[in-house]
Amino acid sequence: MAQVNGPASRCGYWNDITTGEHVGTHFDAPVHWATGRDGEDVSQVAPRRLVAPAVVLDASARAAADPDFLLEIDHVREWEKAHGPLPDGGWLLYRTGWDARSGGQEEFLNADEDGPHTPGISASCARWLAEETPLLGLGVETVGTDAGAAHSFDPPFPCHSYFLGAGKYGLTQLQNLERLPARGAVLVASPLPIVGGSGSPARVLALVER
């Protein structure tokens, strides 16, 4: 019998993996939600849209005082007065300080008998950001782009509904937003180009001029 498992077959190293599309830091494509079902899957997102300017809106103090804090239109307009307009074709990165809780599921989800308690964006603000601003997408530190209580909003999960319905994107479970300036960063999002995929785990990098 001939030997077939010689040294040449042992010179490489690899693993087989199985993963969900929406786990860890990940990218939401429009087809992830019913409102975007006729839009792009993750493989159809143009590479030029994966590199874009980003601004950081810091609501971490408000979220520390109230884990159910919701960003409203007036908060965004207040930020614009201080830092300038939202970027055309760019990302709004919503900093809540929630990445400090990412070491454990219980603290990260912050759930009780009423459901999760995590900060997010009101339905009216989500609609305004998605439909009336030039943003490309929304990035957050929490488990999803919507607040923990968003199942009870009208519509339910408005960030998903409005952003993905408008052909825009989501990024979740981001880290280190406190290291970024309010404006001036360039975000590089790198999801796997899964054909038919509703999203993908992603490595997300921010480039900042020194």
N, C-alpha and C. Protein backbone atom coordinates (compact mmCIF):
# COMPACT_ATOMS: atom_id res chain seq x y z
N MET A 1 0.85 -1.20 0.00
CA MET A 1 0.00 0.00 0.00
C MET A 1 0.88 1.23 0.00
N ALA A 2 0.61 2.15 -0.89
CA ALA A 2 1.42 3.37 -0.99
C ALA A 2 1.05 4.34 0.12
N GLN A 3 2.09 5.01 0.66
CA GLN A 3 1.86 6.03 1.68
C GLN A 3 1.45 7.34 0.99
N VAL A 4 0.35 7.95 1.43
CA VAL A 4 -0.12 9.18 0.80
C VAL A 4 -0.09 10.38 1.75
N ASN A 5 0.22 10.13 3.02
CA ASN A 5 0.20 11.24 3.97
C ASN A 5 1.64 11.61 4.35
N GLY A 6 2.42 11.88 3.33
CA GLY A 6 3.82 12.21 3.54
C GLY A 6 4.02 13.63 4.02
N PRO A 7 5.28 14.06 4.15
CA PRO A 7 5.59 15.37 4.70
C PRO A 7 4.93 16.53 3.96
N ALA A 8 4.76 16.43 2.65
CA ALA A 8 4.19 17.55 1.90
C ALA A 8 2.76 17.84 2.33
N SER A 9 2.02 16.81 2.76
CA SER A 9 0.63 17.04 3.14
C SER A 9 0.50 17.61 4.54
N ARG A 10 1.63 17.67 5.29
CA ARG A 10 1.59 18.17 6.66
C ARG A 10 2.22 19.55 6.79
N CYS A 11 2.51 20.22 5.67
CA CYS A 11 3.22 21.49 5.75
C CYS A 11 2.31 22.69 5.91
N GLY A 12 1.00 22.51 5.78
CA GLY A 12 0.06 23.61 5.91
C GLY A 12 -0.74 23.51 7.20
N TYR A 13 -1.46 24.59 7.51
CA TYR A 13 -2.31 24.63 8.70
C TYR A 13 -3.57 25.39 8.35
N TRP A 14 -4.76 24.84 8.66
CA TRP A 14 -6.01 25.55 8.44
C TRP A 14 -7.08 24.96 9.34
N ASN A 15 -8.20 25.70 9.42
CA ASN A 15 -9.35 25.27 10.21
C ASN A 15 -10.61 25.37 9.38
N ASP A 16 -11.60 24.57 9.69
CA ASP A 16 -12.94 24.76 9.18
C ASP A 16 -13.72 25.56 10.23
N ILE A 17 -14.50 26.54 9.78
CA ILE A 17 -15.27 27.34 10.71
C ILE A 17 -16.75 27.36 10.31
N THR A 18 -17.60 27.52 11.31
CA THR A 18 -19.02 27.74 11.09
C THR A 18 -19.42 28.94 11.94
N THR A 19 -20.07 29.92 11.33
CA THR A 19 -20.43 31.13 12.07
C THR A 19 -21.71 31.72 11.52
N GLY A 20 -22.42 32.45 12.35
CA GLY A 20 -23.56 33.21 11.88
C GLY A 20 -23.09 34.49 11.21
N GLU A 21 -23.97 35.10 10.43
CA GLU A 21 -23.62 36.35 9.75
C GLU A 21 -23.63 37.54 10.70
N HIS A 22 -24.44 37.47 11.75
CA HIS A 22 -24.64 38.62 12.64
C HIS A 22 -24.17 38.29 14.05
N VAL A 23 -22.88 37.99 14.15
CA VAL A 23 -22.26 37.71 15.45
C VAL A 23 -21.00 38.56 15.58
N GLY A 24 -20.69 38.94 16.82
CA GLY A 24 -19.53 39.78 17.04
C GLY A 24 -19.64 41.09 16.28
N THR A 25 -18.51 41.71 16.02
CA THR A 25 -18.51 42.91 15.19
C THR A 25 -18.95 42.51 13.79
N HIS A 26 -20.02 43.11 13.30
CA HIS A 26 -20.54 42.65 12.02
C HIS A 26 -21.21 43.77 11.23
N PHE A 27 -21.41 43.49 9.96
CA PHE A 27 -21.95 44.41 8.96
C PHE A 27 -23.36 43.96 8.61
N ASP A 28 -24.31 44.90 8.62
CA ASP A 28 -25.68 44.62 8.18
C ASP A 28 -25.86 45.15 6.76
N ALA A 29 -26.23 44.27 5.83
CA ALA A 29 -26.57 44.67 4.46
C ALA A 29 -28.08 44.93 4.37
N PRO A 30 -28.52 45.69 3.37
CA PRO A 30 -29.95 46.01 3.27
C PRO A 30 -30.88 44.80 3.30
N VAL A 31 -30.50 43.68 2.68
CA VAL A 31 -31.41 42.53 2.63
C VAL A 31 -31.62 41.87 3.99
N HIS A 32 -30.89 42.34 4.99
CA HIS A 32 -31.08 41.80 6.35
C HIS A 32 -32.48 42.08 6.88
N TRP A 33 -33.16 43.11 6.36
CA TRP A 33 -34.46 43.51 6.91
C TRP A 33 -35.52 43.51 5.82
N ALA A 34 -36.76 43.29 6.22
CA ALA A 34 -37.85 43.22 5.24
C ALA A 34 -37.94 44.48 4.40
N THR A 35 -37.67 45.63 4.99
CA THR A 35 -37.76 46.88 4.25
C THR A 35 -36.69 47.01 3.17
N GLY A 36 -35.62 46.23 3.28
CA GLY A 36 -34.55 46.28 2.29
C GLY A 36 -34.43 45.01 1.48
N ARG A 37 -35.48 44.20 1.47
CA ARG A 37 -35.40 42.87 0.84
C ARG A 37 -35.05 42.91 -0.64
N ASP A 38 -35.32 44.02 -1.32
CA ASP A 38 -34.97 44.12 -2.74
C ASP A 38 -33.63 44.83 -2.95
N GLY A 39 -32.93 45.08 -1.86
CA GLY A 39 -31.65 45.78 -1.94
C GLY A 39 -30.47 44.85 -2.06
N GLU A 40 -29.29 45.38 -1.72
CA GLU A 40 -28.04 44.64 -1.87
C GLU A 40 -27.88 43.55 -0.82
N ASP A 41 -27.32 42.42 -1.22
CA ASP A 41 -26.77 41.51 -0.23
C ASP A 41 -25.32 41.96 0.03
N VAL A 42 -24.67 41.33 1.00
CA VAL A 42 -23.37 41.83 1.41
C VAL A 42 -22.33 41.71 0.29
N SER A 43 -22.46 40.73 -0.59
CA SER A 43 -21.49 40.57 -1.68
C SER A 43 -21.65 41.65 -2.74
N GLN A 44 -22.80 42.32 -2.77
CA GLN A 44 -23.08 43.32 -3.80
C GLN A 44 -22.68 44.74 -3.38
N VAL A 45 -22.24 44.91 -2.15
CA VAL A 45 -21.84 46.23 -1.69
C VAL A 45 -20.54 46.62 -2.39
N ALA A 46 -20.55 47.75 -3.08
CA ALA A 46 -19.38 48.19 -3.85
C ALA A 46 -18.20 48.47 -2.92
N PRO A 47 -16.99 48.03 -3.28
CA PRO A 47 -15.82 48.29 -2.44
C PRO A 47 -15.63 49.76 -2.09
N ARG A 48 -15.98 50.65 -3.01
CA ARG A 48 -15.80 52.08 -2.73
C ARG A 48 -16.69 52.55 -1.59
N ARG A 49 -17.74 51.81 -1.27
CA ARG A 49 -18.61 52.17 -0.16
C ARG A 49 -18.13 51.58 1.17
N LEU A 50 -17.09 50.79 1.12
CA LEU A 50 -16.54 50.19 2.34
C LEU A 50 -15.41 51.02 2.93
N VAL A 51 -15.04 52.10 2.27
CA VAL A 51 -14.05 53.05 2.79
C VAL A 51 -14.70 54.42 2.75
N ALA A 52 -14.94 55.03 3.90
CA ALA A 52 -15.74 56.26 3.93
C ALA A 52 -15.39 57.08 5.17
N PRO A 53 -15.64 58.39 5.12
CA PRO A 53 -15.41 59.22 6.30
C PRO A 53 -16.35 58.85 7.43
N ALA A 54 -15.91 59.12 8.65
CA ALA A 54 -16.72 58.79 9.82
C ALA A 54 -16.65 59.90 10.85
N VAL A 55 -17.77 60.13 11.52
CA VAL A 55 -17.81 61.04 12.65
C VAL A 55 -18.29 60.28 13.87
N VAL A 56 -17.92 60.78 15.05
CA VAL A 56 -18.27 60.12 16.30
C VAL A 56 -19.13 61.05 17.14
N LEU A 57 -20.33 60.61 17.46
CA LEU A 57 -21.21 61.33 18.36
C LEU A 57 -21.15 60.63 19.71
N ASP A 58 -20.66 61.32 20.72
CA ASP A 58 -20.41 60.72 22.03
C ASP A 58 -21.58 60.99 22.97
N ALA A 59 -22.32 59.95 23.29
CA ALA A 59 -23.41 60.03 24.26
C ALA A 59 -23.12 59.14 25.46
N SER A 60 -21.85 58.86 25.71
CA SER A 60 -21.49 57.89 26.75
C SER A 60 -21.91 58.36 28.15
N ALA A 61 -21.82 59.67 28.43
CA ALA A 61 -22.23 60.15 29.75
C ALA A 61 -23.73 59.97 29.95
N ARG A 62 -24.51 60.26 28.93
CA ARG A 62 -25.96 60.09 29.03
C ARG A 62 -26.32 58.61 29.17
N ALA A 63 -25.63 57.74 28.44
CA ALA A 63 -25.92 56.31 28.51
C ALA A 63 -25.50 55.72 29.86
N ALA A 64 -24.43 56.28 30.46
CA ALA A 64 -24.01 55.81 31.78
C ALA A 64 -25.07 56.15 32.83
N ALA A 65 -25.73 57.29 32.66
CA ALA A 65 -26.77 57.69 33.61
C ALA A 65 -28.08 56.95 33.36
N ASP A 66 -28.32 56.54 32.11
CA ASP A 66 -29.58 55.89 31.74
C ASP A 66 -29.31 54.87 30.64
N PRO A 67 -29.28 53.57 30.97
CA PRO A 67 -28.98 52.57 29.94
C PRO A 67 -30.02 52.49 28.84
N ASP A 68 -31.20 53.07 29.04
CA ASP A 68 -32.24 53.11 28.01
C ASP A 68 -32.23 54.43 27.24
N PHE A 69 -31.15 55.20 27.36
CA PHE A 69 -31.07 56.50 26.70
C PHE A 69 -31.27 56.37 25.19
N LEU A 70 -32.05 57.29 24.63
CA LEU A 70 -32.30 57.31 23.19
C LEU A 70 -31.81 58.62 22.59
N LEU A 71 -31.07 58.51 21.53
CA LEU A 71 -30.62 59.69 20.78
C LEU A 71 -31.79 60.28 20.03
N GLU A 72 -31.96 61.61 20.12
CA GLU A 72 -33.03 62.32 19.44
C GLU A 72 -32.44 63.26 18.39
N ILE A 73 -33.29 63.76 17.51
CA ILE A 73 -32.84 64.67 16.45
C ILE A 73 -32.13 65.89 17.04
N ASP A 74 -32.65 66.43 18.13
CA ASP A 74 -32.04 67.61 18.74
C ASP A 74 -30.62 67.32 19.22
N HIS A 75 -30.36 66.10 19.68
CA HIS A 75 -29.00 65.76 20.09
C HIS A 75 -28.04 65.81 18.90
N VAL A 76 -28.50 65.32 17.76
CA VAL A 76 -27.65 65.33 16.56
C VAL A 76 -27.43 66.76 16.09
N ARG A 77 -28.47 67.56 16.11
CA ARG A 77 -28.32 68.96 15.69
C ARG A 77 -27.40 69.72 16.63
N GLU A 78 -27.45 69.40 17.90
CA GLU A 78 -26.53 69.99 18.88
C GLU A 78 -25.09 69.61 18.53
N TRP A 79 -24.88 68.34 18.16
CA TRP A 79 -23.55 67.88 17.75
C TRP A 79 -23.10 68.62 16.49
N GLU A 80 -23.99 68.80 15.54
CA GLU A 80 -23.63 69.48 14.29
C GLU A 80 -23.23 70.94 14.54
N LYS A 81 -23.87 71.59 15.49
CA LYS A 81 -23.50 72.97 15.80
C LYS A 81 -22.05 73.05 16.29
N ALA A 82 -21.62 72.02 17.01
CA ALA A 82 -20.27 72.01 17.57
C ALA A 82 -19.23 71.49 16.58
N HIS A 83 -19.62 70.56 15.69
CA HIS A 83 -18.63 69.83 14.89
C HIS A 83 -18.84 69.92 13.38
N GLY A 84 -19.93 70.53 12.93
CA GLY A 84 -20.17 70.62 11.51
C GLY A 84 -21.15 69.57 11.03
N PRO A 85 -21.47 69.57 9.73
CA PRO A 85 -22.51 68.68 9.21
C PRO A 85 -22.10 67.22 9.20
N LEU A 86 -23.09 66.35 9.18
CA LEU A 86 -22.84 64.92 9.02
C LEU A 86 -22.19 64.67 7.66
N PRO A 87 -21.30 63.69 7.56
CA PRO A 87 -20.53 63.51 6.33
C PRO A 87 -21.35 62.93 5.19
N ASP A 88 -21.20 63.52 4.03
CA ASP A 88 -21.87 63.03 2.83
C ASP A 88 -21.25 61.68 2.44
N GLY A 89 -22.06 60.63 2.42
CA GLY A 89 -21.55 59.31 2.09
C GLY A 89 -20.65 58.74 3.17
N GLY A 90 -20.89 59.11 4.43
CA GLY A 90 -20.04 58.65 5.53
C GLY A 90 -20.84 57.96 6.62
N TRP A 91 -20.15 57.61 7.68
CA TRP A 91 -20.71 56.87 8.80
C TRP A 91 -20.94 57.78 10.00
N LEU A 92 -22.04 57.58 10.69
CA LEU A 92 -22.23 58.12 12.03
C LEU A 92 -21.91 57.00 13.01
N LEU A 93 -20.87 57.18 13.82
CA LEU A 93 -20.50 56.22 14.85
C LEU A 93 -21.04 56.74 16.18
N TYR A 94 -21.91 55.98 16.77
CA TYR A 94 -22.66 56.40 17.95
C TYR A 94 -22.00 55.79 19.18
N ARG A 95 -21.25 56.62 19.91
CA ARG A 95 -20.51 56.12 21.07
C ARG A 95 -21.37 56.22 22.32
N THR A 96 -21.54 55.09 23.01
CA THR A 96 -22.30 55.04 24.25
C THR A 96 -21.47 54.50 25.41
N GLY A 97 -20.23 54.09 25.15
CA GLY A 97 -19.41 53.48 26.18
C GLY A 97 -19.74 52.02 26.42
N TRP A 98 -20.63 51.47 25.59
CA TRP A 98 -21.10 50.10 25.82
C TRP A 98 -20.03 49.06 25.54
N ASP A 99 -18.99 49.41 24.82
CA ASP A 99 -17.93 48.43 24.56
C ASP A 99 -17.22 48.02 25.84
N ALA A 100 -17.28 48.84 26.89
CA ALA A 100 -16.67 48.47 28.16
C ALA A 100 -17.37 47.26 28.79
N ARG A 101 -18.57 46.94 28.33
CA ARG A 101 -19.33 45.81 28.87
C ARG A 101 -19.15 44.52 28.06
N SER A 102 -18.32 44.56 27.04
CA SER A 102 -18.26 43.43 26.10
C SER A 102 -17.55 42.20 26.63
N GLY A 103 -17.06 42.23 27.85
CA GLY A 103 -16.37 41.06 28.38
C GLY A 103 -17.29 39.92 28.77
N GLY A 104 -18.58 40.20 28.94
CA GLY A 104 -19.52 39.15 29.34
C GLY A 104 -20.91 39.40 28.81
N GLN A 105 -21.61 38.33 28.44
CA GLN A 105 -22.92 38.46 27.81
C GLN A 105 -23.95 39.11 28.73
N GLU A 106 -23.94 38.77 30.02
CA GLU A 106 -24.95 39.29 30.93
C GLU A 106 -24.86 40.80 31.04
N GLU A 107 -23.66 41.32 31.23
CA GLU A 107 -23.48 42.76 31.35
C GLU A 107 -23.73 43.46 30.02
N PHE A 108 -23.34 42.80 28.93
CA PHE A 108 -23.48 43.41 27.61
C PHE A 108 -24.94 43.55 27.20
N LEU A 109 -25.74 42.50 27.42
CA LEU A 109 -27.16 42.54 27.05
C LEU A 109 -27.99 43.31 28.08
N ASN A 110 -27.56 43.28 29.35
CA ASN A 110 -28.20 44.08 30.41
C ASN A 110 -29.71 43.86 30.43
N ALA A 111 -30.11 42.60 30.49
CA ALA A 111 -31.54 42.25 30.39
C ALA A 111 -32.13 41.92 31.75
N ASP A 112 -33.42 42.18 31.89
CA ASP A 112 -34.19 41.74 33.04
C ASP A 112 -35.52 41.18 32.54
N GLU A 113 -36.51 41.08 33.42
CA GLU A 113 -37.79 40.49 33.01
C GLU A 113 -38.50 41.32 31.94
N ASP A 114 -38.12 42.58 31.78
CA ASP A 114 -38.72 43.43 30.76
C ASP A 114 -37.97 43.40 29.43
N GLY A 115 -36.83 42.72 29.40
CA GLY A 115 -36.03 42.65 28.18
C GLY A 115 -34.71 43.38 28.34
N PRO A 116 -33.94 43.52 27.25
CA PRO A 116 -32.64 44.20 27.31
C PRO A 116 -32.79 45.69 27.56
N HIS A 117 -31.79 46.23 28.26
CA HIS A 117 -31.72 47.67 28.50
C HIS A 117 -30.39 48.18 27.97
N THR A 118 -30.39 48.61 26.72
CA THR A 118 -29.18 49.15 26.09
C THR A 118 -29.56 50.42 25.34
N PRO A 119 -28.65 51.39 25.25
CA PRO A 119 -28.97 52.66 24.59
C PRO A 119 -29.13 52.50 23.09
N GLY A 120 -29.83 53.48 22.50
CA GLY A 120 -30.06 53.41 21.06
C GLY A 120 -30.53 54.74 20.51
N ILE A 121 -31.39 54.67 19.52
CA ILE A 121 -31.86 55.85 18.79
C ILE A 121 -33.38 55.79 18.71
N SER A 122 -34.03 56.92 18.91
CA SER A 122 -35.49 56.94 18.84
C SER A 122 -35.95 56.67 17.41
N ALA A 123 -37.22 56.28 17.27
CA ALA A 123 -37.76 55.97 15.94
C ALA A 123 -37.74 57.20 15.04
N SER A 124 -38.11 58.36 15.58
CA SER A 124 -38.13 59.57 14.75
C SER A 124 -36.73 59.98 14.33
N CYS A 125 -35.75 59.82 15.21
CA CYS A 125 -34.38 60.17 14.86
C CYS A 125 -33.81 59.18 13.86
N ALA A 126 -34.12 57.90 14.02
CA ALA A 126 -33.64 56.89 13.07
C ALA A 126 -34.17 57.19 11.66
N ARG A 127 -35.43 57.53 11.58
CA ARG A 127 -36.01 57.84 10.26
C ARG A 127 -35.34 59.07 9.65
N TRP A 128 -35.16 60.11 10.46
CA TRP A 128 -34.53 61.34 9.98
C TRP A 128 -33.10 61.09 9.50
N LEU A 129 -32.32 60.35 10.29
CA LEU A 129 -30.94 60.05 9.90
C LEU A 129 -30.89 59.25 8.61
N ALA A 130 -31.78 58.27 8.48
CA ALA A 130 -31.74 57.39 7.32
C ALA A 130 -32.26 58.06 6.05
N GLU A 131 -33.30 58.89 6.19
CA GLU A 131 -34.00 59.40 5.01
C GLU A 131 -33.68 60.85 4.67
N GLU A 132 -33.18 61.61 5.63
CA GLU A 132 -33.00 63.05 5.40
C GLU A 132 -31.57 63.54 5.59
N THR A 133 -30.64 62.66 5.83
CA THR A 133 -29.24 63.05 5.92
C THR A 133 -28.44 62.28 4.88
N PRO A 134 -27.22 62.73 4.55
CA PRO A 134 -26.43 62.06 3.52
C PRO A 134 -25.59 60.90 4.02
N LEU A 135 -25.89 60.39 5.21
CA LEU A 135 -25.09 59.31 5.77
C LEU A 135 -25.14 58.04 4.90
N LEU A 136 -24.06 57.28 4.98
CA LEU A 136 -23.97 55.96 4.35
C LEU A 136 -24.47 54.87 5.29
N GLY A 137 -24.21 55.07 6.60
CA GLY A 137 -24.59 54.04 7.54
C GLY A 137 -24.40 54.48 8.98
N LEU A 138 -24.76 53.58 9.88
CA LEU A 138 -24.72 53.81 11.32
C LEU A 138 -23.88 52.73 11.97
N GLY A 139 -22.96 53.14 12.84
CA GLY A 139 -22.15 52.19 13.60
C GLY A 139 -22.35 52.38 15.09
N VAL A 140 -22.44 51.27 15.84
CA VAL A 140 -22.72 51.32 17.28
C VAL A 140 -21.82 50.34 18.02
N GLU A 141 -21.81 50.48 19.35
CA GLU A 141 -21.03 49.57 20.21
C GLU A 141 -21.88 48.45 20.78
N THR A 142 -23.20 48.58 20.70
CA THR A 142 -24.11 47.61 21.29
C THR A 142 -24.30 46.40 20.37
N VAL A 143 -25.11 45.43 20.82
CA VAL A 143 -25.24 44.18 20.10
C VAL A 143 -25.87 44.36 18.72
N GLY A 144 -26.72 45.37 18.57
CA GLY A 144 -27.34 45.69 17.29
C GLY A 144 -27.49 47.19 17.16
N THR A 145 -27.89 47.65 16.00
CA THR A 145 -28.01 49.09 15.78
C THR A 145 -29.18 49.71 16.54
N ASP A 146 -30.12 48.88 17.00
CA ASP A 146 -31.27 49.40 17.72
C ASP A 146 -31.11 49.29 19.23
N ALA A 147 -31.88 50.11 19.94
CA ALA A 147 -31.92 50.06 21.40
C ALA A 147 -32.44 48.71 21.88
N GLY A 148 -32.12 48.39 23.14
CA GLY A 148 -32.60 47.13 23.69
C GLY A 148 -34.11 47.03 23.71
N ALA A 149 -34.79 48.18 23.90
CA ALA A 149 -36.26 48.19 23.98
C ALA A 149 -36.93 48.38 22.64
N ALA A 150 -36.17 48.32 21.55
CA ALA A 150 -36.71 48.70 20.23
C ALA A 150 -37.77 47.76 19.70
N HIS A 151 -37.91 46.58 20.29
CA HIS A 151 -38.99 45.68 19.85
C HIS A 151 -40.36 46.30 20.11
N SER A 152 -40.42 47.27 21.04
CA SER A 152 -41.70 47.89 21.39
C SER A 152 -41.91 49.24 20.70
N PHE A 153 -40.96 49.65 19.84
CA PHE A 153 -41.08 50.95 19.16
C PHE A 153 -42.04 50.82 17.97
N ASP A 154 -42.39 51.97 17.40
CA ASP A 154 -43.22 52.01 16.20
C ASP A 154 -42.48 52.78 15.11
N PRO A 155 -41.95 52.08 14.09
CA PRO A 155 -42.00 50.63 13.89
C PRO A 155 -41.00 49.92 14.80
N PRO A 156 -41.17 48.62 15.00
CA PRO A 156 -40.17 47.89 15.77
C PRO A 156 -38.80 47.97 15.08
N PHE A 157 -37.76 48.05 15.88
CA PHE A 157 -36.38 48.09 15.39
C PHE A 157 -36.21 49.13 14.27
N PRO A 158 -36.45 50.41 14.60
CA PRO A 158 -36.48 51.44 13.55
C PRO A 158 -35.15 51.67 12.85
N CYS A 159 -34.02 51.48 13.52
CA CYS A 159 -32.74 51.67 12.82
C CYS A 159 -32.59 50.65 11.71
N HIS A 160 -32.92 49.39 12.01
CA HIS A 160 -32.91 48.37 10.96
C HIS A 160 -33.91 48.73 9.86
N SER A 161 -35.12 49.09 10.26
CA SER A 161 -36.18 49.33 9.29
C SER A 161 -35.84 50.50 8.37
N TYR A 162 -35.42 51.61 8.93
CA TYR A 162 -35.21 52.81 8.11
C TYR A 162 -33.87 52.80 7.39
N PHE A 163 -32.79 52.45 8.08
CA PHE A 163 -31.47 52.49 7.42
C PHE A 163 -31.39 51.44 6.31
N LEU A 164 -31.76 50.21 6.60
CA LEU A 164 -31.64 49.16 5.58
C LEU A 164 -32.68 49.35 4.49
N GLY A 165 -33.84 49.89 4.85
CA GLY A 165 -34.85 50.20 3.85
C GLY A 165 -34.42 51.29 2.90
N ALA A 166 -33.53 52.17 3.36
CA ALA A 166 -33.00 53.25 2.52
C ALA A 166 -31.75 52.83 1.75
N GLY A 167 -31.41 51.53 1.80
CA GLY A 167 -30.22 51.05 1.10
C GLY A 167 -28.93 51.41 1.80
N LYS A 168 -29.02 51.70 3.10
CA LYS A 168 -27.83 52.05 3.87
C LYS A 168 -27.42 50.86 4.73
N TYR A 169 -26.38 51.04 5.56
CA TYR A 169 -25.75 49.91 6.22
C TYR A 169 -25.65 50.10 7.72
N GLY A 170 -25.37 49.01 8.41
CA GLY A 170 -25.15 49.04 9.85
C GLY A 170 -23.86 48.34 10.23
N LEU A 171 -23.22 48.82 11.27
CA LEU A 171 -22.07 48.16 11.89
C LEU A 171 -22.33 48.07 13.38
N THR A 172 -22.09 46.92 13.96
CA THR A 172 -22.39 46.75 15.38
C THR A 172 -21.20 46.19 16.14
N GLN A 173 -21.27 46.34 17.47
CA GLN A 173 -20.27 45.83 18.41
C GLN A 173 -18.87 46.37 18.08
N LEU A 174 -18.82 47.66 17.80
CA LEU A 174 -17.54 48.32 17.55
C LEU A 174 -16.81 48.55 18.86
N GLN A 175 -15.50 48.73 18.77
CA GLN A 175 -14.65 48.96 19.93
C GLN A 175 -13.81 50.21 19.71
N ASN A 176 -13.36 50.81 20.80
CA ASN A 176 -12.34 51.88 20.78
C ASN A 176 -12.80 53.18 20.14
N LEU A 177 -14.10 53.44 20.12
CA LEU A 177 -14.56 54.70 19.55
C LEU A 177 -14.05 55.90 20.35
N GLU A 178 -13.73 55.69 21.64
CA GLU A 178 -13.21 56.79 22.45
C GLU A 178 -11.86 57.28 21.96
N ARG A 179 -11.20 56.50 21.12
CA ARG A 179 -9.89 56.89 20.60
C ARG A 179 -9.98 57.71 19.32
N LEU A 180 -11.19 57.91 18.82
CA LEU A 180 -11.38 58.62 17.56
C LEU A 180 -11.81 60.06 17.79
N PRO A 181 -11.44 60.96 16.88
CA PRO A 181 -11.92 62.34 16.98
C PRO A 181 -13.38 62.44 16.59
N ALA A 182 -14.00 63.54 16.94
CA ALA A 182 -15.40 63.75 16.58
C ALA A 182 -15.58 63.72 15.07
N ARG A 183 -14.62 64.21 14.33
CA ARG A 183 -14.63 64.08 12.87
C ARG A 183 -13.20 64.00 12.38
N GLY A 184 -13.03 63.46 11.17
CA GLY A 184 -11.70 63.37 10.58
C GLY A 184 -11.20 61.97 10.36
N ALA A 185 -11.86 60.96 10.93
CA ALA A 185 -11.43 59.57 10.72
C ALA A 185 -11.98 59.05 9.38
N VAL A 186 -11.30 58.05 8.85
CA VAL A 186 -11.77 57.31 7.68
C VAL A 186 -12.00 55.88 8.12
N LEU A 187 -13.19 55.36 7.88
CA LEU A 187 -13.54 54.01 8.32
C LEU A 187 -13.38 53.02 7.18
N VAL A 188 -12.77 51.87 7.50
CA VAL A 188 -12.62 50.77 6.55
C VAL A 188 -13.39 49.59 7.11
N ALA A 189 -14.48 49.21 6.46
CA ALA A 189 -15.28 48.07 6.88
C ALA A 189 -15.01 46.92 5.92
N SER A 190 -14.74 45.73 6.45
CA SER A 190 -14.34 44.62 5.58
C SER A 190 -15.13 43.36 5.88
N PRO A 191 -16.41 43.32 5.45
CA PRO A 191 -17.18 42.08 5.60
C PRO A 191 -16.77 41.04 4.56
N LEU A 192 -17.08 39.80 4.83
CA LEU A 192 -16.89 38.74 3.84
C LEU A 192 -17.92 38.91 2.73
N PRO A 193 -17.55 38.74 1.47
CA PRO A 193 -18.50 38.93 0.36
C PRO A 193 -19.37 37.69 0.16
N ILE A 194 -20.25 37.42 1.12
CA ILE A 194 -21.08 36.23 1.10
C ILE A 194 -22.21 36.41 0.09
N VAL A 195 -22.24 35.60 -0.94
CA VAL A 195 -23.27 35.73 -1.97
C VAL A 195 -24.63 35.40 -1.35
N GLY A 196 -25.55 36.35 -1.47
CA GLY A 196 -26.86 36.18 -0.86
C GLY A 196 -26.88 36.50 0.63
N GLY A 197 -25.74 36.92 1.17
CA GLY A 197 -25.63 37.12 2.61
C GLY A 197 -26.33 38.37 3.10
N SER A 198 -26.98 38.25 4.25
CA SER A 198 -27.65 39.40 4.85
C SER A 198 -26.69 40.27 5.65
N GLY A 199 -25.51 39.77 5.86
CA GLY A 199 -24.48 40.48 6.60
C GLY A 199 -23.27 39.59 6.76
N SER A 200 -22.31 40.05 7.58
CA SER A 200 -21.09 39.26 7.75
C SER A 200 -20.32 39.77 8.95
N PRO A 201 -19.65 38.84 9.68
CA PRO A 201 -18.63 39.32 10.61
C PRO A 201 -17.65 40.20 9.86
N ALA A 202 -17.14 41.21 10.52
CA ALA A 202 -16.31 42.19 9.82
C ALA A 202 -15.16 42.64 10.71
N ARG A 203 -14.04 42.95 10.06
CA ARG A 203 -12.98 43.68 10.73
C ARG A 203 -13.13 45.13 10.31
N VAL A 204 -13.23 46.00 11.30
CA VAL A 204 -13.48 47.42 11.04
C VAL A 204 -12.31 48.23 11.57
N LEU A 205 -11.70 49.00 10.68
CA LEU A 205 -10.53 49.81 11.03
C LEU A 205 -10.86 51.28 10.84
N ALA A 206 -10.28 52.12 11.69
CA ALA A 206 -10.42 53.56 11.56
C ALA A 206 -9.04 54.15 11.35
N LEU A 207 -8.90 54.95 10.30
CA LEU A 207 -7.63 55.61 9.99
C LEU A 207 -7.73 57.06 10.44
N VAL A 208 -6.74 57.49 11.22
CA VAL A 208 -6.72 58.85 11.76
C VAL A 208 -5.36 59.48 11.45
N GLU A 209 -5.38 60.66 10.87
CA GLU A 209 -4.12 61.35 10.55
C GLU A 209 -3.44 61.82 11.83
N ARG A 210 -2.15 61.53 11.93
CA ARG A 210 -1.38 61.95 13.11
C ARG A 210 -0.61 63.22 12.82
